[in-house]
Amino acid sequence: MMMKSLFSKVFVMIACLLLSVSARESCAERAYFDITASDMRKIMVAVPNFSGNDQAKAVTQLLSKGLALHSFISVVDSSRYGGSRDADWKGLGVDYVILGQVGSDPAGMMVEGSILDVGSDKTLSGRRYKGAAGQIEDMTLRLCDALIEDFTGEKGVARTRMAYVSDATGRKEIYLTDILGRHPRQITSHRALCVSPRFTPDGNFLAYSTYHRGNQDLYITDLRQKTTTNSLSRRKGLNLAPAFSPDGRTMVVTLSQNGNPDLYAMDRQGKILQQLTSGAGINVSPAYSPDGSQIAFVSDRSGRPNVYLMNAGGGQAKRLTFQTTESVEPAWSPKGDEIAFTGLQGGSYQLFIMDRNGGNVRQLSTGGGRYETPTWAPDGRLLAVTRKSGSRSEICVVSKAGKDVRVLFTMKGNQSSPQWSGRLP
């Protein structure tokens, strides 16, 4: 069964490579959108009904949802043109139209789409995916990410996942869903507080802390199965929030086994390799730089929590944040040039980004609510964050440019502590 699944995935990818060569060539000389520019307006995209079989409507809806995830696109409501492929696009203010079809293929199914530039009335690119009928959703999201690549030069993030904490059962447990909020899956069933989900770099494992034995212990579960989870550290005191090195072999964890919460390097079996901080205040929230050379973390050694930076092997730490009353929860951008964090500003926590050296600090969140636990999308253009207002907690997404804070998905209960996965293989 595993070999069959692997073959199916490879077949879909090969079909994409073979059938989209001309699309990439047609885009080779295009000027891509700079979607990180703060003054860029959203491009208006229409996705009229795909032609083809009875799955065409579902494909159209899923593709529209996937495109809208990417903050530089505004998908025009199909009710404005009745879903028709022939409409007065210029009169509707549409910049681009996605024209597609769903059909049968010797492999099972085929999904294809192309971009029509309304201004020039030219088709800019086309992508086609083949696979088994059960892969129709995956093919649609592959198409979505490829079309985003045609717009920007980098693949989209529709084929990613989100781990998060939810109290839907009455207890805070760890969940997993695709990035569009479909097919949510409960990962833990400890019937106790579970916090701080963290993916391994390959996305196959998820670590978290739980209080189900009375202590804050650290566990890890293999997401490719649904029956077992294993302990990483059950030392007395805190066992909190691992940061995995880029190669996935080691992790940095906060332990308080000696009284003070300090950072320790551990292997994947939970063996301590090195103590990285020693007694200089509370040290928590480690985050590896993408190249593995540095660790950002939070310490109150200066009197209040702030973000610090040190080499991955420990040693002297440099304070990075000075602009807010408190600064916590650092998260490195995928390219390693920026660090997101939450800072106490005007009595509530807001979302900020700074350069990796602590300069060029800018606030992304606006309006009411408290913002916590930022996490980057793998393209480095979007962030997910917890927004809390009163007793309500929800996961929102915001562009790096600081525009358009949107609720990512709506589910039963309260959601918090998002962790964005890498792209699926």
Protein backbone atom coordinates (compact mmCIF):
# COMPACT_ATOMS: atom_id res chain seq x y z
CA MET A 1 0.00 0.00 0.00
CA MET A 2 2.84 2.39 0.87
CA MET A 3 4.58 1.62 -2.46
CA LYS A 4 1.32 2.23 -4.33
CA SER A 5 0.84 5.59 -2.56
CA LEU A 6 4.42 6.59 -3.31
CA PHE A 7 3.99 5.63 -6.97
CA SER A 8 0.82 7.72 -7.19
CA LYS A 9 2.57 10.80 -5.79
CA VAL A 10 5.52 10.36 -8.10
CA PHE A 11 3.17 9.92 -11.08
CA VAL A 12 1.39 13.18 -10.30
CA MET A 13 4.69 15.04 -9.96
CA ILE A 14 6.10 13.59 -13.18
CA ALA A 15 2.93 14.52 -15.04
CA CYS A 16 3.32 18.08 -13.75
CA LEU A 17 6.95 18.28 -14.83
CA LEU A 18 6.31 16.97 -18.31
CA LEU A 19 3.20 18.98 -19.01
CA SER A 20 4.14 22.35 -17.55
CA VAL A 21 7.47 22.89 -19.30
CA SER A 22 5.87 25.22 -21.84
CA ALA A 23 4.13 27.07 -19.00
CA ARG A 24 7.42 27.78 -17.26
CA GLU A 25 9.01 28.84 -20.52
CA SER A 26 6.12 31.23 -21.20
CA CYS A 27 6.67 32.77 -17.76
CA ALA A 28 10.47 32.92 -18.03
CA GLU A 29 10.47 36.52 -19.29
CA ARG A 30 7.59 37.75 -17.15
CA ALA A 31 7.97 40.35 -14.43
CA TYR A 32 6.64 38.74 -11.26
CA PHE A 33 4.53 40.60 -8.72
CA ASP A 34 6.42 41.94 -5.71
CA ILE A 35 3.75 40.93 -3.23
CA THR A 36 5.79 42.04 -0.21
CA ALA A 37 5.57 45.69 -1.25
CA SER A 38 3.52 47.64 1.29
CA ASP A 39 1.82 49.72 -1.41
CA MET A 40 0.80 46.86 -3.68
CA ARG A 41 -2.92 46.56 -4.32
CA LYS A 42 -4.55 43.16 -4.50
CA ILE A 43 -4.92 41.72 -7.97
CA MET A 44 -8.47 40.81 -8.93
CA VAL A 45 -8.79 37.20 -10.09
CA ALA A 46 -11.89 35.45 -11.40
CA VAL A 47 -12.25 31.67 -11.28
CA PRO A 48 -15.24 30.79 -13.49
CA ASN A 49 -16.65 27.28 -13.36
CA PHE A 50 -14.23 24.66 -14.63
CA SER A 51 -15.57 22.60 -17.50
CA GLY A 52 -15.70 18.83 -17.33
CA ASN A 53 -17.22 16.16 -15.13
CA ASP A 54 -19.28 16.30 -11.96
CA GLN A 55 -16.20 17.11 -9.83
CA ALA A 56 -15.52 20.33 -11.72
CA LYS A 57 -17.61 22.47 -9.33
CA ALA A 58 -15.76 21.19 -6.26
CA VAL A 59 -12.41 21.77 -7.99
CA THR A 60 -13.41 25.35 -8.84
CA GLN A 61 -14.43 26.08 -5.25
CA LEU A 62 -11.28 24.53 -3.74
CA LEU A 63 -9.00 26.35 -6.17
CA SER A 64 -10.72 29.65 -5.38
CA LYS A 65 -10.23 29.08 -1.66
CA GLY A 66 -6.59 28.17 -2.15
CA LEU A 67 -5.87 31.26 -4.24
CA ALA A 68 -7.62 33.54 -1.72
CA LEU A 69 -5.31 32.24 1.03
CA HIS A 70 -2.49 34.15 -0.62
CA SER A 71 -3.03 37.70 0.53
CA PHE A 72 -2.12 39.47 -2.71
CA ILE A 73 -5.12 37.94 -4.53
CA SER A 74 -8.77 38.92 -4.23
CA VAL A 75 -11.02 36.28 -5.80
CA VAL A 76 -14.06 37.90 -7.41
CA ASP A 77 -17.35 36.45 -6.17
CA SER A 78 -18.66 34.21 -8.94
CA SER A 79 -22.20 35.47 -8.32
CA ARG A 80 -21.17 38.72 -9.99
CA TYR A 81 -20.84 36.92 -13.33
CA GLY A 82 -22.84 33.75 -12.77
CA GLY A 83 -19.75 31.56 -12.88
CA SER A 84 -19.65 32.00 -16.67
CA ARG A 85 -16.40 31.69 -18.60
CA ASP A 86 -17.55 34.55 -20.87
CA ALA A 87 -18.05 37.82 -19.04
CA ASP A 88 -17.13 41.47 -19.28
CA TRP A 89 -13.95 41.00 -17.28
CA LYS A 90 -12.73 44.56 -17.76
CA GLY A 91 -16.09 45.93 -16.69
CA LEU A 92 -15.88 43.79 -13.54
CA GLY A 93 -12.41 45.11 -12.77
CA VAL A 94 -10.83 41.68 -13.19
CA ASP A 95 -7.08 41.53 -13.86
CA TYR A 96 -6.73 37.79 -14.50
CA VAL A 97 -9.04 34.86 -15.16
CA ILE A 98 -8.24 31.23 -14.33
CA LEU A 99 -9.66 28.98 -17.05
CA GLY A 100 -9.67 25.28 -16.34
CA GLN A 101 -11.14 21.88 -16.88
CA VAL A 102 -11.47 18.54 -15.15
CA GLY A 103 -11.59 15.35 -17.14
CA SER A 104 -10.88 11.67 -17.38
CA ASP A 105 -7.45 10.31 -18.19
CA PRO A 106 -5.95 6.83 -18.55
CA ALA A 107 -4.38 7.49 -15.14
CA GLY A 108 -7.79 8.27 -13.68
CA MET A 109 -8.30 12.04 -13.58
CA MET A 110 -6.86 15.22 -15.05
CA VAL A 111 -7.01 18.80 -13.76
CA GLU A 112 -5.68 21.70 -15.78
CA GLY A 113 -5.79 25.47 -15.60
CA SER A 114 -4.31 28.52 -17.29
CA ILE A 115 -4.09 32.25 -16.61
CA LEU A 116 -5.79 34.71 -18.94
CA ASP A 117 -4.37 38.24 -18.75
CA VAL A 118 -7.45 40.41 -19.24
CA GLY A 119 -5.45 43.49 -20.21
CA SER A 120 -3.60 41.84 -23.09
CA ASP A 121 -6.21 39.14 -23.77
CA LYS A 122 -3.41 36.57 -23.81
CA THR A 123 -3.09 33.25 -22.01
CA LEU A 124 0.05 33.45 -19.90
CA SER A 125 0.53 29.89 -18.75
CA GLY A 126 -1.03 26.47 -18.39
CA ARG A 127 -0.58 23.62 -15.91
CA ARG A 128 -1.92 20.09 -16.05
CA TYR A 129 -1.95 17.34 -13.42
CA LYS A 130 -2.84 13.66 -13.77
CA GLY A 131 -3.53 11.12 -11.09
CA ALA A 132 -5.99 8.73 -9.52
CA ALA A 133 -9.54 9.90 -8.81
CA GLY A 134 -8.78 9.96 -5.07
CA GLN A 135 -6.06 12.54 -5.67
CA ILE A 136 -8.36 15.18 -7.12
CA GLU A 137 -8.01 17.52 -4.12
CA ASP A 138 -4.23 17.19 -4.10
CA MET A 139 -4.06 17.87 -7.85
CA THR A 140 -6.22 20.96 -7.38
CA LEU A 141 -3.96 22.34 -4.66
CA ARG A 142 -0.88 21.54 -6.75
CA LEU A 143 -2.46 23.58 -9.52
CA CYS A 144 -3.13 26.40 -7.07
CA ASP A 145 0.49 26.52 -5.88
CA ALA A 146 1.76 26.38 -9.47
CA LEU A 147 -0.45 29.30 -10.49
CA ILE A 148 0.87 31.30 -7.53
CA GLU A 149 4.35 30.51 -8.80
CA ASP A 150 3.36 31.88 -12.22
CA PHE A 151 2.29 35.13 -10.54
CA THR A 152 5.20 35.54 -8.12
CA GLY A 153 8.08 33.25 -9.09
CA GLU A 154 7.66 31.07 -5.98
CA LYS A 155 5.24 28.23 -5.28
CA GLY A 156 2.21 28.90 -3.16
CA VAL A 157 1.46 27.37 0.23
CA ALA A 158 -1.94 25.72 -0.33
CA ARG A 159 -0.33 22.28 0.13
CA THR A 160 0.74 22.85 3.73
CA ARG A 161 -0.65 21.96 7.15
CA MET A 162 -1.27 23.68 10.45
CA ALA A 163 -0.85 22.24 13.94
CA TYR A 164 -2.68 24.08 16.69
CA VAL A 165 -4.29 23.85 20.13
CA SER A 166 -8.08 23.61 20.43
CA ASP A 167 -10.49 23.28 23.34
CA ALA A 168 -13.23 21.76 21.16
CA THR A 169 -13.48 18.74 23.51
CA GLY A 170 -13.50 20.87 26.65
CA ARG A 171 -9.77 20.27 27.14
CA LYS A 172 -6.89 21.86 25.27
CA GLU A 173 -5.60 19.18 22.90
CA ILE A 174 -3.33 19.28 19.83
CA TYR A 175 -4.92 19.16 16.37
CA LEU A 176 -3.75 19.06 12.77
CA THR A 177 -5.49 20.33 9.64
CA ASP A 178 -4.68 21.31 6.10
CA ILE A 179 -4.06 25.04 5.76
CA LEU A 180 -7.59 25.65 4.45
CA GLY A 181 -9.16 24.17 7.59
CA ARG A 182 -10.36 20.96 5.93
CA HIS A 183 -10.00 17.47 7.38
CA PRO A 184 -9.07 18.47 10.98
CA ARG A 185 -7.58 15.63 13.00
CA GLN A 186 -7.17 15.39 16.76
CA ILE A 187 -3.59 14.35 17.54
CA THR A 188 -3.68 14.08 21.35
CA SER A 189 -6.27 12.55 23.64
CA HIS A 190 -4.65 13.18 27.01
CA ARG A 191 -7.73 14.91 28.47
CA ALA A 192 -5.33 17.43 29.96
CA LEU A 193 -3.69 20.68 28.94
CA CYS A 194 -1.46 20.28 25.86
CA VAL A 195 0.60 23.19 24.53
CA SER A 196 3.34 24.28 22.11
CA PRO A 197 3.08 21.97 19.07
CA ARG A 198 6.30 21.89 17.01
CA PHE A 199 6.93 20.13 13.69
CA THR A 200 10.16 18.37 12.89
CA PRO A 201 11.72 19.79 9.70
CA ASP A 202 10.51 16.86 7.60
CA GLY A 203 6.94 17.37 8.85
CA ASN A 204 6.55 13.72 9.87
CA PHE A 205 6.66 14.26 13.64
CA LEU A 206 5.05 16.68 16.04
CA ALA A 207 6.39 17.48 19.51
CA TYR A 208 4.33 19.08 22.26
CA SER A 209 4.16 19.54 26.03
CA THR A 210 1.38 18.07 28.15
CA TYR A 211 0.34 18.09 31.82
CA HIS A 212 -1.54 14.79 31.80
CA ARG A 213 0.87 13.20 34.34
CA GLY A 214 0.84 16.30 36.56
CA ASN A 215 4.18 17.66 35.31
CA GLN A 216 4.82 19.62 32.12
CA ASP A 217 6.36 16.79 30.10
CA LEU A 218 7.58 16.72 26.51
CA TYR A 219 6.24 14.19 23.98
CA ILE A 220 6.58 13.49 20.28
CA THR A 221 4.25 11.64 17.93
CA ASP A 222 4.69 10.22 14.44
CA LEU A 223 1.99 11.85 12.30
CA ARG A 224 2.06 8.95 9.85
CA GLN A 225 0.23 6.81 12.43
CA LYS A 226 -2.60 7.45 14.89
CA THR A 227 -2.05 5.13 17.83
CA THR A 228 1.09 5.94 19.84
CA THR A 229 3.09 8.87 21.18
CA ASN A 230 6.48 8.76 22.90
CA SER A 231 8.00 10.81 25.72
CA LEU A 232 11.07 12.91 25.00
CA SER A 233 11.64 14.35 28.45
CA ARG A 234 9.82 13.88 31.75
CA ARG A 235 12.37 15.57 33.96
CA LYS A 236 11.13 17.33 37.07
CA GLY A 237 9.86 20.83 36.31
CA LEU A 238 9.49 22.40 32.89
CA ASN A 239 10.00 20.39 29.70
CA LEU A 240 8.87 22.96 27.18
CA ALA A 241 8.62 23.92 23.52
CA PRO A 242 11.43 22.31 21.52
CA ALA A 243 13.07 24.06 18.58
CA PHE A 244 14.39 21.55 16.06
CA SER A 245 17.63 22.15 14.22
CA PRO A 246 17.27 22.43 10.43
CA ASP A 247 18.62 18.90 9.95
CA GLY A 248 16.17 17.57 12.57
CA ARG A 249 18.85 15.76 14.56
CA THR A 250 18.91 17.96 17.63
CA MET A 251 16.54 20.26 19.47
CA VAL A 252 16.73 23.03 22.03
CA VAL A 253 14.36 22.73 24.99
CA THR A 254 13.64 24.73 28.14
CA LEU A 255 14.23 22.59 31.24
CA SER A 256 14.04 23.65 34.88
CA GLN A 257 15.48 20.46 36.36
CA ASN A 258 18.10 22.47 38.28
CA GLY A 259 15.64 25.14 39.40
CA ASN A 260 16.14 27.90 36.83
CA PRO A 261 14.50 27.58 33.40
CA ASP A 262 17.44 27.25 31.01
CA LEU A 263 18.00 26.15 27.42
CA TYR A 264 19.48 22.73 26.70
CA ALA A 265 20.47 21.01 23.48
CA MET A 266 19.07 17.46 23.28
CA ASP A 267 19.10 14.67 20.73
CA ARG A 268 15.94 13.12 19.31
CA GLN A 269 15.95 10.47 22.05
CA GLY A 270 15.84 13.10 24.80
CA LYS A 271 19.50 12.86 25.87
CA ILE A 272 20.99 16.17 27.00
CA LEU A 273 23.94 17.14 24.82
CA GLN A 274 24.77 20.58 26.22
CA GLN A 275 23.46 23.27 28.55
CA LEU A 276 23.27 26.51 26.53
CA THR A 277 22.27 29.08 29.17
CA SER A 278 22.99 29.15 32.87
CA GLY A 279 21.05 31.06 35.47
CA ALA A 280 20.77 34.38 33.65
CA GLY A 281 17.05 34.86 34.25
CA ILE A 282 14.28 32.76 32.71
CA ASN A 283 15.24 31.45 29.24
CA VAL A 284 12.44 30.17 26.98
CA SER A 285 11.03 30.13 23.42
CA PRO A 286 14.13 29.05 21.44
CA ALA A 287 14.07 29.31 17.64
CA TYR A 288 16.83 28.11 15.31
CA SER A 289 17.89 30.26 12.39
CA PRO A 290 17.25 28.46 9.07
CA ASP A 291 20.99 27.82 8.59
CA GLY A 292 21.26 26.37 12.11
CA SER A 293 24.01 28.74 13.20
CA GLN A 294 22.08 30.87 15.71
CA ILE A 295 19.26 30.64 18.22
CA ALA A 296 16.84 33.42 19.06
CA PHE A 297 15.20 33.09 22.47
CA VAL A 298 13.45 35.04 25.22
CA SER A 299 15.05 35.98 28.53
CA ASP A 300 14.14 38.35 31.36
CA ARG A 301 17.78 38.78 32.38
CA SER A 302 17.45 42.55 31.81
CA GLY A 303 14.39 42.76 34.09
CA ARG A 304 11.64 42.19 31.49
CA PRO A 305 11.27 39.55 28.76
CA ASN A 306 13.11 40.43 25.56
CA VAL A 307 14.40 38.61 22.49
CA TYR A 308 18.08 37.63 22.52
CA LEU A 309 20.39 36.02 20.00
CA MET A 310 23.25 33.60 20.58
CA ASN A 311 25.27 31.10 18.60
CA ALA A 312 23.79 27.62 18.35
CA GLY A 313 26.53 26.30 20.63
CA GLY A 314 25.70 28.77 23.38
CA GLY A 315 27.89 31.58 24.71
CA GLN A 316 27.40 35.33 24.83
CA ALA A 317 23.87 36.49 24.02
CA LYS A 318 22.96 39.77 22.31
CA ARG A 319 19.73 41.57 23.11
CA LEU A 320 17.72 42.38 19.96
CA THR A 321 14.52 44.10 21.16
CA PHE A 322 14.25 47.52 22.80
CA GLN A 323 11.17 49.16 21.25
CA THR A 324 8.39 47.47 23.26
CA THR A 325 7.79 47.02 26.97
CA GLU A 326 8.14 43.25 26.58
CA SER A 327 9.10 41.17 23.54
CA VAL A 328 8.47 37.42 23.33
CA GLU A 329 7.91 34.43 21.01
CA PRO A 330 10.55 34.95 18.28
CA ALA A 331 10.02 33.13 14.97
CA TRP A 332 12.63 33.15 12.18
CA SER A 333 11.51 33.79 8.63
CA PRO A 334 12.24 30.87 6.24
CA LYS A 335 14.92 32.90 4.45
CA GLY A 336 16.56 33.82 7.76
CA ASP A 337 16.60 37.57 7.16
CA GLU A 338 13.83 38.52 9.58
CA ILE A 339 12.40 37.55 12.96
CA ALA A 340 8.74 37.91 13.92
CA PHE A 341 7.80 38.39 17.57
CA THR A 342 5.00 39.67 19.77
CA GLY A 343 5.56 42.82 21.77
CA LEU A 344 3.68 44.52 24.57
CA GLN A 345 2.47 47.81 23.15
CA GLY A 346 -0.16 50.04 24.72
CA GLY A 347 -1.20 47.38 27.19
CA SER A 348 -1.68 44.51 24.71
CA TYR A 349 0.56 42.20 22.71
CA GLN A 350 0.90 43.01 19.01
CA LEU A 351 2.67 41.34 16.10
CA PHE A 352 6.02 42.75 14.96
CA ILE A 353 8.78 41.92 12.47
CA MET A 354 12.41 43.00 12.68
CA ASP A 355 15.57 42.36 10.71
CA ARG A 356 17.71 39.54 12.08
CA ASN A 357 20.04 42.08 13.75
CA GLY A 358 17.14 43.77 15.60
CA GLY A 359 16.78 46.73 13.25
CA ASN A 360 13.89 47.95 11.10
CA VAL A 361 11.15 47.00 13.56
CA ARG A 362 7.61 47.33 12.21
CA GLN A 363 4.20 46.49 13.65
CA LEU A 364 1.94 44.27 11.53
CA SER A 365 -1.21 43.91 13.62
CA THR A 366 -3.75 46.65 14.04
CA GLY A 367 -7.08 47.02 15.78
CA GLY A 368 -8.35 45.30 18.89
CA GLY A 369 -7.27 42.00 20.37
CA ARG A 370 -4.05 40.46 21.62
CA TYR A 371 -1.71 38.72 19.20
CA GLU A 372 0.42 35.75 20.21
CA THR A 373 2.52 32.81 18.87
CA PRO A 374 3.48 33.91 15.33
CA THR A 375 4.53 31.29 12.79
CA TRP A 376 5.72 31.78 9.21
CA ALA A 377 4.40 30.19 6.05
CA PRO A 378 7.17 28.40 4.12
CA ASP A 379 7.18 31.13 1.46
CA GLY A 380 8.06 33.80 4.03
CA ARG A 381 5.22 36.02 2.79
CA LEU A 382 2.47 35.13 5.26
CA LEU A 383 2.31 34.62 9.01
CA ALA A 384 -0.29 32.92 11.16
CA VAL A 385 -0.91 34.22 14.66
CA THR A 386 -3.28 33.70 17.59
CA ARG A 387 -5.68 36.60 18.08
CA LYS A 388 -7.44 36.79 21.44
CA SER A 389 -10.36 39.04 22.29
CA GLY A 390 -12.14 38.52 25.58
CA SER A 391 -12.64 34.78 25.98
CA ARG A 392 -12.44 34.15 22.22
CA SER A 393 -9.25 32.84 20.61
CA GLU A 394 -8.82 32.32 16.85
CA ILE A 395 -6.04 31.80 14.35
CA CYS A 396 -5.50 34.60 11.85
CA VAL A 397 -3.24 35.06 8.87
CA VAL A 398 -1.53 38.30 7.90
CA SER A 399 0.77 39.25 5.06
CA LYS A 400 4.36 40.25 5.71
CA ALA A 401 3.41 43.67 4.38
CA GLY A 402 1.08 44.01 7.37
CA LYS A 403 -2.19 44.11 5.45
CA ASP A 404 -5.42 42.20 5.70
CA VAL A 405 -5.48 40.34 9.03
CA ARG A 406 -7.98 37.55 8.33
CA VAL A 407 -9.40 34.65 10.31
CA LEU A 408 -7.79 31.57 8.77
CA PHE A 409 -10.52 29.07 9.51
CA THR A 410 -13.60 28.75 11.69
CA MET A 411 -14.02 25.64 13.81
CA LYS A 412 -15.72 24.53 16.99
CA GLY A 413 -14.16 25.91 20.14
CA ASN A 414 -11.15 28.19 20.47
CA GLN A 415 -7.95 27.72 18.49
CA SER A 416 -4.46 28.95 19.41
CA SER A 417 -0.71 28.31 19.13
CA PRO A 418 -0.51 27.72 15.36
CA GLN A 419 2.51 26.04 13.83
CA TRP A 420 2.80 26.19 10.02
CA SER A 421 4.34 23.14 8.36
CA GLY A 422 6.65 23.10 5.37
CA ARG A 423 5.27 22.25 1.93
CA LEU A 424 4.07 18.68 1.49
CA PRO A 425 6.22 16.46 -0.79
